[in-house]
Amino acid sequence: MRAKPTCPLCGIASDALGAIESRPAARIQARREILGGVRPSPFYSLVAALSWPVLRGLFRLRAEGRENLPTEGGYVLSANHVSNLDPWPLGLPLWPKRYLRFMAKSELYWFPLNHVIKAGGGFPVRRGERDIEAIETAVQLAREGHVVAMFPHGTRQRKGLVKRYQPKEHTGAARIALGAGVPLVPAAIAGTDRLSRLGPIRVRYGKPIPLDDLRDKEPSVAAREATDRLMAEIERLGEGL
């Protein structure tokens, strides 16, 4: 039996992607609203301006390696995950020129929180499922010049656990970067799990992961190899934070 052609991004059958492409006009319009502009929204800028002195002063946020971040175009920014608050200190050093777009659990999209999440850069994802639409949205965002934040571990990492019990890393960040043809940038973050002790919070950005030699490989193989490179660099960046 002949195998169905699949999408080079995520290995999903092309007829499934065709169904997405033929979705009703209302859903297409909703997706355009999710994409939004590359510049931060007024709400995002307001919250950033108010929280910047708090993070810098009270929690002693310091960011290293900003010179490694692409100055133009979209990219995937991928980091370790230790707290639900990780996206904010990870993305705030990019403000006011750029801001992060990130996946947020669809369960959080109830009024009025849905408007807050959207203004803050979030877009919905159905956790526990292979959400084709969320992946497609992330790829489109990166192609249109946005910075898409991804956490390969998916769930927060717990300290003190034996390594075999740590959550297995996902290949989504690499798949999105490869599918969109944008840089995959590693980062490490520390201190967001000890806010009750007032930090300090540290962020370190690394140089983009080399991907050019992987683009002609079978998608799942390329994504796994890119993820291995990414995780090794995230671990290296986290040393001493």
C-alpha atoms as a PDB file:
ATOM      1  CA  MET A   1       0.000   0.000   0.000  1.00  0.00           C
ATOM      2  CA  ARG A   2       1.394   3.364  -1.016  1.00  0.00           C
ATOM      3  CA  ALA A   3       2.109   5.771   1.857  1.00  0.00           C
ATOM      4  CA  LYS A   4       0.373   9.120   1.876  1.00  0.00           C
ATOM      5  CA  PRO A   5       2.540  12.163   1.173  1.00  0.00           C
ATOM      6  CA  THR A   6       3.337  14.029   4.346  1.00  0.00           C
ATOM      7  CA  CYS A   7       4.155  17.576   5.366  1.00  0.00           C
ATOM      8  CA  PRO A   8       7.932  18.153   5.624  1.00  0.00           C
ATOM      9  CA  LEU A   9       7.351  20.072   8.859  1.00  0.00           C
ATOM     10  CA  CYS A  10       5.643  17.540  11.067  1.00  0.00           C
ATOM     11  CA  GLY A  11       5.131  14.334   9.061  1.00  0.00           C
ATOM     12  CA  ILE A  12       1.347  14.865   8.967  1.00  0.00           C
ATOM     13  CA  ALA A  13      -0.507  13.512   5.978  1.00  0.00           C
ATOM     14  CA  SER A  14      -1.025  16.101   3.266  1.00  0.00           C
ATOM     15  CA  ASP A  15      -4.755  15.431   3.077  1.00  0.00           C
ATOM     16  CA  ALA A  16      -5.004  16.436   6.756  1.00  0.00           C
ATOM     17  CA  LEU A  17      -3.165  19.665   6.009  1.00  0.00           C
ATOM     18  CA  GLY A  18      -5.440  20.173   3.026  1.00  0.00           C
ATOM     19  CA  ALA A  19      -8.395  20.094   5.387  1.00  0.00           C
ATOM     20  CA  ILE A  20      -6.775  22.863   7.408  1.00  0.00           C
ATOM     21  CA  GLU A  21      -6.135  24.955   4.320  1.00  0.00           C
ATOM     22  CA  SER A  22      -9.792  24.625   3.274  1.00  0.00           C
ATOM     23  CA  ARG A  23     -11.176  25.698   6.656  1.00  0.00           C
ATOM     24  CA  PRO A  24     -14.047  28.248   6.669  1.00  0.00           C
ATOM     25  CA  ALA A  25     -13.356  31.949   6.151  1.00  0.00           C
ATOM     26  CA  ALA A  26     -14.307  32.712   9.771  1.00  0.00           C
ATOM     27  CA  ARG A  27     -11.523  30.460  11.058  1.00  0.00           C
ATOM     28  CA  ILE A  28      -9.037  31.980   8.617  1.00  0.00           C
ATOM     29  CA  GLN A  29      -9.970  35.451   9.868  1.00  0.00           C
ATOM     30  CA  ALA A  30      -9.592  34.282  13.483  1.00  0.00           C
ATOM     31  CA  ARG A  31      -6.142  32.980  12.668  1.00  0.00           C
ATOM     32  CA  ARG A  32      -5.157  36.312  11.106  1.00  0.00           C
ATOM     33  CA  GLU A  33      -6.200  37.997  14.346  1.00  0.00           C
ATOM     34  CA  ILE A  34      -4.004  35.558  16.292  1.00  0.00           C
ATOM     35  CA  LEU A  35      -0.994  36.404  14.107  1.00  0.00           C
ATOM     36  CA  GLY A  36      -1.229  40.122  14.877  1.00  0.00           C
ATOM     37  CA  GLY A  37       1.651  42.557  14.386  1.00  0.00           C
ATOM     38  CA  VAL A  38       5.362  42.016  14.864  1.00  0.00           C
ATOM     39  CA  ARG A  39       5.595  44.974  17.262  1.00  0.00           C
ATOM     40  CA  PRO A  40       4.314  44.618  20.855  1.00  0.00           C
ATOM     41  CA  SER A  41       0.709  45.600  21.514  1.00  0.00           C
ATOM     42  CA  PRO A  42      -0.012  48.705  23.634  1.00  0.00           C
ATOM     43  CA  PHE A  43      -1.090  46.394  26.465  1.00  0.00           C
ATOM     44  CA  TYR A  44       2.165  44.443  26.250  1.00  0.00           C
ATOM     45  CA  SER A  45       4.212  47.646  26.264  1.00  0.00           C
ATOM     46  CA  LEU A  46       2.289  48.991  29.257  1.00  0.00           C
ATOM     47  CA  VAL A  47       2.833  45.831  31.308  1.00  0.00           C
ATOM     48  CA  ALA A  48       6.482  45.674  30.186  1.00  0.00           C
ATOM     49  CA  ALA A  49       7.093  49.276  31.238  1.00  0.00           C
ATOM     50  CA  LEU A  50       5.523  48.651  34.653  1.00  0.00           C
ATOM     51  CA  SER A  51       7.236  45.314  35.309  1.00  0.00           C
ATOM     52  CA  TRP A  52      10.710  46.190  33.993  1.00  0.00           C
ATOM     53  CA  PRO A  53      11.745  48.142  37.123  1.00  0.00           C
ATOM     54  CA  VAL A  54      10.386  45.338  39.321  1.00  0.00           C
ATOM     55  CA  LEU A  55      12.256  42.586  37.495  1.00  0.00           C
ATOM     56  CA  ARG A  56      15.447  44.628  37.197  1.00  0.00           C
ATOM     57  CA  GLY A  57      15.408  46.077  40.685  1.00  0.00           C
ATOM     58  CA  LEU A  58      13.596  43.667  42.988  1.00  0.00           C
ATOM     59  CA  PHE A  59      14.377  40.371  41.243  1.00  0.00           C
ATOM     60  CA  ARG A  60      17.715  41.509  39.776  1.00  0.00           C
ATOM     61  CA  LEU A  61      17.006  40.319  36.239  1.00  0.00           C
ATOM     62  CA  ARG A  62      20.169  40.234  34.140  1.00  0.00           C
ATOM     63  CA  ALA A  63      20.354  39.118  30.513  1.00  0.00           C
ATOM     64  CA  GLU A  64      23.529  38.017  28.720  1.00  0.00           C
ATOM     65  CA  GLY A  65      24.175  37.337  25.042  1.00  0.00           C
ATOM     66  CA  ARG A  66      21.636  39.705  23.502  1.00  0.00           C
ATOM     67  CA  GLU A  67      24.162  40.269  20.712  1.00  0.00           C
ATOM     68  CA  ASN A  68      23.491  36.663  19.630  1.00  0.00           C
ATOM     69  CA  LEU A  69      19.829  37.365  18.838  1.00  0.00           C
ATOM     70  CA  PRO A  70      18.908  38.026  15.178  1.00  0.00           C
ATOM     71  CA  THR A  71      18.081  41.709  14.718  1.00  0.00           C
ATOM     72  CA  GLU A  72      15.697  41.129  11.811  1.00  0.00           C
ATOM     73  CA  GLY A  73      13.254  38.442  10.752  1.00  0.00           C
ATOM     74  CA  GLY A  74      11.557  35.741  12.739  1.00  0.00           C
ATOM     75  CA  TYR A  75      13.174  32.991  14.762  1.00  0.00           C
ATOM     76  CA  VAL A  76      12.407  30.328  17.353  1.00  0.00           C
ATOM     77  CA  LEU A  77      13.736  31.080  20.841  1.00  0.00           C
ATOM     78  CA  SER A  78      13.966  27.887  22.852  1.00  0.00           C
ATOM     79  CA  ALA A  79      14.857  27.564  26.543  1.00  0.00           C
ATOM     80  CA  ASN A  80      14.672  25.305  29.562  1.00  0.00           C
ATOM     81  CA  HIS A  81      11.438  25.504  31.561  1.00  0.00           C
ATOM     82  CA  VAL A  82      11.413  25.903  35.357  1.00  0.00           C
ATOM     83  CA  SER A  83       8.369  28.138  35.989  1.00  0.00           C
ATOM     84  CA  ASN A  84       5.101  29.236  34.423  1.00  0.00           C
ATOM     85  CA  LEU A  85       6.549  32.753  34.466  1.00  0.00           C
ATOM     86  CA  ASP A  86       9.524  31.867  32.234  1.00  0.00           C
ATOM     87  CA  PRO A  87       8.192  33.580  29.055  1.00  0.00           C
ATOM     88  CA  TRP A  88       8.118  37.023  30.683  1.00  0.00           C
ATOM     89  CA  PRO A  89      11.759  37.420  31.840  1.00  0.00           C
ATOM     90  CA  LEU A  90      12.858  35.488  28.742  1.00  0.00           C
ATOM     91  CA  GLY A  91      11.130  37.962  26.437  1.00  0.00           C
ATOM     92  CA  LEU A  92      11.317  41.243  28.341  1.00  0.00           C
ATOM     93  CA  PRO A  93      14.975  41.968  27.386  1.00  0.00           C
ATOM     94  CA  LEU A  94      13.811  41.997  23.725  1.00  0.00           C
ATOM     95  CA  TRP A  95      11.312  44.804  24.413  1.00  0.00           C
ATOM     96  CA  PRO A  96      10.471  47.407  23.069  1.00  0.00           C
ATOM     97  CA  LYS A  97      11.519  46.335  19.549  1.00  0.00           C
ATOM     98  CA  ARG A  98      10.439  42.688  19.753  1.00  0.00           C
ATOM     99  CA  TYR A  99       8.259  40.465  21.882  1.00  0.00           C
ATOM    100  CA  LEU A 100       7.618  36.766  22.302  1.00  0.00           C
ATOM    101  CA  ARG A 101       4.778  34.734  20.834  1.00  0.00           C
ATOM    102  CA  PHE A 102       4.066  31.581  22.795  1.00  0.00           C
ATOM    103  CA  MET A 103       1.598  28.701  23.000  1.00  0.00           C
ATOM    104  CA  ALA A 104      -0.931  28.914  25.837  1.00  0.00           C
ATOM    105  CA  LYS A 105      -3.283  26.155  26.980  1.00  0.00           C
ATOM    106  CA  SER A 106      -6.644  26.428  25.247  1.00  0.00           C
ATOM    107  CA  GLU A 107      -8.338  25.941  28.636  1.00  0.00           C
ATOM    108  CA  LEU A 108      -7.145  29.434  29.597  1.00  0.00           C
ATOM    109  CA  TYR A 109      -9.047  31.067  26.748  1.00  0.00           C
ATOM    110  CA  TRP A 110     -12.088  32.239  28.644  1.00  0.00           C
ATOM    111  CA  PHE A 111     -13.368  35.815  28.852  1.00  0.00           C
ATOM    112  CA  PRO A 112     -11.693  38.148  29.737  1.00  0.00           C
ATOM    113  CA  LEU A 113      -8.431  36.198  30.200  1.00  0.00           C
ATOM    114  CA  ASN A 114      -8.344  35.288  26.511  1.00  0.00           C
ATOM    115  CA  HIS A 115      -7.897  38.961  25.566  1.00  0.00           C
ATOM    116  CA  VAL A 116      -5.091  39.362  28.107  1.00  0.00           C
ATOM    117  CA  ILE A 117      -3.251  36.284  26.811  1.00  0.00           C
ATOM    118  CA  LYS A 118      -3.642  37.399  23.201  1.00  0.00           C
ATOM    119  CA  ALA A 119      -2.359  40.906  23.967  1.00  0.00           C
ATOM    120  CA  GLY A 120       0.569  39.332  25.818  1.00  0.00           C
ATOM    121  CA  GLY A 121       1.641  37.311  22.762  1.00  0.00           C
ATOM    122  CA  GLY A 122      -0.089  33.982  23.372  1.00  0.00           C
ATOM    123  CA  PHE A 123      -1.955  31.766  20.935  1.00  0.00           C
ATOM    124  CA  PRO A 124      -3.978  28.649  21.841  1.00  0.00           C
ATOM    125  CA  VAL A 125      -2.782  25.058  21.819  1.00  0.00           C
ATOM    126  CA  ARG A 126      -4.689  21.923  22.817  1.00  0.00           C
ATOM    127  CA  ARG A 127      -2.282  20.198  25.190  1.00  0.00           C
ATOM    128  CA  GLY A 128      -2.127  16.439  25.117  1.00  0.00           C
ATOM    129  CA  GLU A 129      -3.093  16.407  21.436  1.00  0.00           C
ATOM    130  CA  ARG A 130      -1.155  16.777  18.217  1.00  0.00           C
ATOM    131  CA  ASP A 131      -2.441  20.253  17.525  1.00  0.00           C
ATOM    132  CA  ILE A 132      -1.788  20.777  13.815  1.00  0.00           C
ATOM    133  CA  GLU A 133      -3.296  24.247  13.830  1.00  0.00           C
ATOM    134  CA  ALA A 134      -1.062  25.487  16.668  1.00  0.00           C
ATOM    135  CA  ILE A 135       2.037  24.187  14.875  1.00  0.00           C
ATOM    136  CA  GLU A 136       0.917  25.788  11.624  1.00  0.00           C
ATOM    137  CA  THR A 137       0.299  29.077  13.447  1.00  0.00           C
ATOM    138  CA  ALA A 138       3.779  28.963  15.006  1.00  0.00           C
ATOM    139  CA  VAL A 139       5.384  28.346  11.602  1.00  0.00           C
ATOM    140  CA  GLN A 140       3.437  31.210  10.040  1.00  0.00           C
ATOM    141  CA  LEU A 141       4.339  33.549  12.896  1.00  0.00           C
ATOM    142  CA  ALA A 142       8.043  32.782  12.494  1.00  0.00           C
ATOM    143  CA  ARG A 143       7.839  33.266   8.729  1.00  0.00           C
ATOM    144  CA  GLU A 144       6.182  36.647   9.195  1.00  0.00           C
ATOM    145  CA  GLY A 145       8.967  37.919  11.445  1.00  0.00           C
ATOM    146  CA  HIS A 146       7.800  37.036  14.950  1.00  0.00           C
ATOM    147  CA  VAL A 147       9.889  35.549  17.753  1.00  0.00           C
ATOM    148  CA  VAL A 148       8.252  32.264  18.778  1.00  0.00           C
ATOM    149  CA  ALA A 149       9.134  30.959  22.238  1.00  0.00           C
ATOM    150  CA  MET A 150       9.242  27.196  22.745  1.00  0.00           C
ATOM    151  CA  PHE A 151      10.186  25.054  25.723  1.00  0.00           C
ATOM    152  CA  PRO A 152      11.410  21.639  24.527  1.00  0.00           C
ATOM    153  CA  HIS A 153      10.668  19.925  27.845  1.00  0.00           C
ATOM    154  CA  GLY A 154       7.021  20.948  27.544  1.00  0.00           C
ATOM    155  CA  THR A 155       6.439  20.724  31.292  1.00  0.00           C
ATOM    156  CA  ARG A 156       8.462  22.376  34.026  1.00  0.00           C
ATOM    157  CA  GLN A 157      11.645  20.604  35.085  1.00  0.00           C
ATOM    158  CA  ARG A 158      11.947  19.546  38.699  1.00  0.00           C
ATOM    159  CA  LYS A 159      15.180  19.791  40.559  1.00  0.00           C
ATOM    160  CA  GLY A 160      16.555  16.843  42.462  1.00  0.00           C
ATOM    161  CA  LEU A 161      15.004  14.137  40.308  1.00  0.00           C
ATOM    162  CA  VAL A 162      17.032  11.292  38.840  1.00  0.00           C
ATOM    163  CA  LYS A 163      17.712  12.053  35.183  1.00  0.00           C
ATOM    164  CA  ARG A 164      15.543   9.212  33.870  1.00  0.00           C
ATOM    165  CA  TYR A 165      12.500  10.848  35.452  1.00  0.00           C
ATOM    166  CA  GLN A 166      13.042  14.206  33.789  1.00  0.00           C
ATOM    167  CA  PRO A 167      10.453  15.003  31.071  1.00  0.00           C
ATOM    168  CA  LYS A 168      11.606  13.938  27.611  1.00  0.00           C
ATOM    169  CA  GLU A 169      12.342  16.823  25.296  1.00  0.00           C
ATOM    170  CA  HIS A 170       9.979  17.479  22.389  1.00  0.00           C
ATOM    171  CA  THR A 171      11.107  18.215  18.840  1.00  0.00           C
ATOM    172  CA  GLY A 172       8.507  20.940  18.218  1.00  0.00           C
ATOM    173  CA  ALA A 173      10.940  23.872  18.403  1.00  0.00           C
ATOM    174  CA  ALA A 174      13.254  22.272  15.833  1.00  0.00           C
ATOM    175  CA  ARG A 175      10.348  21.270  13.568  1.00  0.00           C
ATOM    176  CA  ILE A 176       8.981  24.807  13.569  1.00  0.00           C
ATOM    177  CA  ALA A 177      12.390  26.367  12.843  1.00  0.00           C
ATOM    178  CA  LEU A 178      13.100  23.879  10.039  1.00  0.00           C
ATOM    179  CA  GLY A 179       9.605  24.205   8.590  1.00  0.00           C
ATOM    180  CA  ALA A 180       9.656  28.005   8.641  1.00  0.00           C
ATOM    181  CA  GLY A 181      13.275  28.272   7.477  1.00  0.00           C
ATOM    182  CA  VAL A 182      14.230  30.514  10.413  1.00  0.00           C
ATOM    183  CA  PRO A 183      17.041  30.419  13.025  1.00  0.00           C
ATOM    184  CA  LEU A 184      16.718  28.241  16.115  1.00  0.00           C
ATOM    185  CA  VAL A 185      18.141  30.205  19.051  1.00  0.00           C
ATOM    186  CA  PRO A 186      18.934  28.523  22.400  1.00  0.00           C
ATOM    187  CA  ALA A 187      18.578  30.229  25.764  1.00  0.00           C
ATOM    188  CA  ALA A 188      18.888  29.328  29.440  1.00  0.00           C
ATOM    189  CA  ILE A 189      16.918  30.820  32.308  1.00  0.00           C
ATOM    190  CA  ALA A 190      17.363  30.507  36.065  1.00  0.00           C
ATOM    191  CA  GLY A 191      15.744  31.986  39.154  1.00  0.00           C
ATOM    192  CA  THR A 192      12.072  32.021  38.151  1.00  0.00           C
ATOM    193  CA  ASP A 193      11.496  29.077  40.509  1.00  0.00           C
ATOM    194  CA  ARG A 194      12.709  31.039  43.536  1.00  0.00           C
ATOM    195  CA  LEU A 195      10.771  34.294  43.299  1.00  0.00           C
ATOM    196  CA  SER A 196       9.811  34.079  46.984  1.00  0.00           C
ATOM    197  CA  ARG A 197      13.507  34.631  47.688  1.00  0.00           C
ATOM    198  CA  LEU A 198      13.586  37.561  45.251  1.00  0.00           C
ATOM    199  CA  GLY A 199      15.668  35.824  42.628  1.00  0.00           C
ATOM    200  CA  PRO A 200      18.079  36.655  41.192  1.00  0.00           C
ATOM    201  CA  ILE A 201      16.734  35.928  37.706  1.00  0.00           C
ATOM    202  CA  ARG A 202      19.294  35.235  35.008  1.00  0.00           C
ATOM    203  CA  VAL A 203      18.820  34.781  31.248  1.00  0.00           C
ATOM    204  CA  ARG A 204      21.524  33.826  28.778  1.00  0.00           C
ATOM    205  CA  TYR A 205      20.983  33.782  24.988  1.00  0.00           C
ATOM    206  CA  GLY A 206      23.180  31.663  22.736  1.00  0.00           C
ATOM    207  CA  LYS A 207      24.112  31.724  19.070  1.00  0.00           C
ATOM    208  CA  PRO A 208      21.690  30.138  16.567  1.00  0.00           C
ATOM    209  CA  ILE A 209      21.958  26.366  16.206  1.00  0.00           C
ATOM    210  CA  PRO A 210      23.454  25.266  12.830  1.00  0.00           C
ATOM    211  CA  LEU A 211      20.634  23.766  10.750  1.00  0.00           C
ATOM    212  CA  ASP A 212      21.723  24.091   7.114  1.00  0.00           C
ATOM    213  CA  ASP A 213      23.183  20.574   6.988  1.00  0.00           C
ATOM    214  CA  LEU A 214      19.858  19.100   8.204  1.00  0.00           C
ATOM    215  CA  ARG A 215      17.412  20.637   5.735  1.00  0.00           C
ATOM    216  CA  ASP A 216      17.768  17.847   3.145  1.00  0.00           C
ATOM    217  CA  LYS A 217      17.373  15.031   5.672  1.00  0.00           C
ATOM    218  CA  GLU A 218      14.193  13.117   6.446  1.00  0.00           C
ATOM    219  CA  PRO A 219      12.054  15.475   8.613  1.00  0.00           C
ATOM    220  CA  SER A 220      11.882  13.377  11.771  1.00  0.00           C
ATOM    221  CA  VAL A 221      15.617  12.634  11.646  1.00  0.00           C
ATOM    222  CA  ALA A 222      16.461  16.300  11.069  1.00  0.00           C
ATOM    223  CA  ALA A 223      14.181  17.404  13.909  1.00  0.00           C
ATOM    224  CA  ARG A 224      15.673  14.904  16.353  1.00  0.00           C
ATOM    225  CA  GLU A 225      19.266  15.837  15.482  1.00  0.00           C
ATOM    226  CA  ALA A 226      18.476  19.549  15.705  1.00  0.00           C
ATOM    227  CA  THR A 227      16.814  18.978  19.091  1.00  0.00           C
ATOM    228  CA  ASP A 228      19.861  17.102  20.383  1.00  0.00           C
ATOM    229  CA  ARG A 229      22.075  20.034  19.368  1.00  0.00           C
ATOM    230  CA  LEU A 230      19.618  22.466  20.941  1.00  0.00           C
ATOM    231  CA  MET A 231      19.427  20.654  24.279  1.00  0.00           C
ATOM    232  CA  ALA A 232      23.209  20.345  24.514  1.00  0.00           C
ATOM    233  CA  GLU A 233      23.571  24.100  23.961  1.00  0.00           C
ATOM    234  CA  ILE A 234      20.805  24.962  26.452  1.00  0.00           C
ATOM    235  CA  GLU A 235      22.556  22.839  29.058  1.00  0.00           C
ATOM    236  CA  ARG A 236      25.876  24.533  28.316  1.00  0.00           C
ATOM    237  CA  LEU A 237      24.317  28.001  28.561  1.00  0.00           C
ATOM    238  CA  GLY A 238      22.758  27.099  31.908  1.00  0.00           C
ATOM    239  CA  GLU A 239      26.078  26.290  33.541  1.00  0.00           C
ATOM    240  CA  GLY A 240      26.871  28.876  36.171  1.00  0.00           C
ATOM    241  CA  LEU A 241      23.541  30.727  35.946  1.00  0.00           C
END
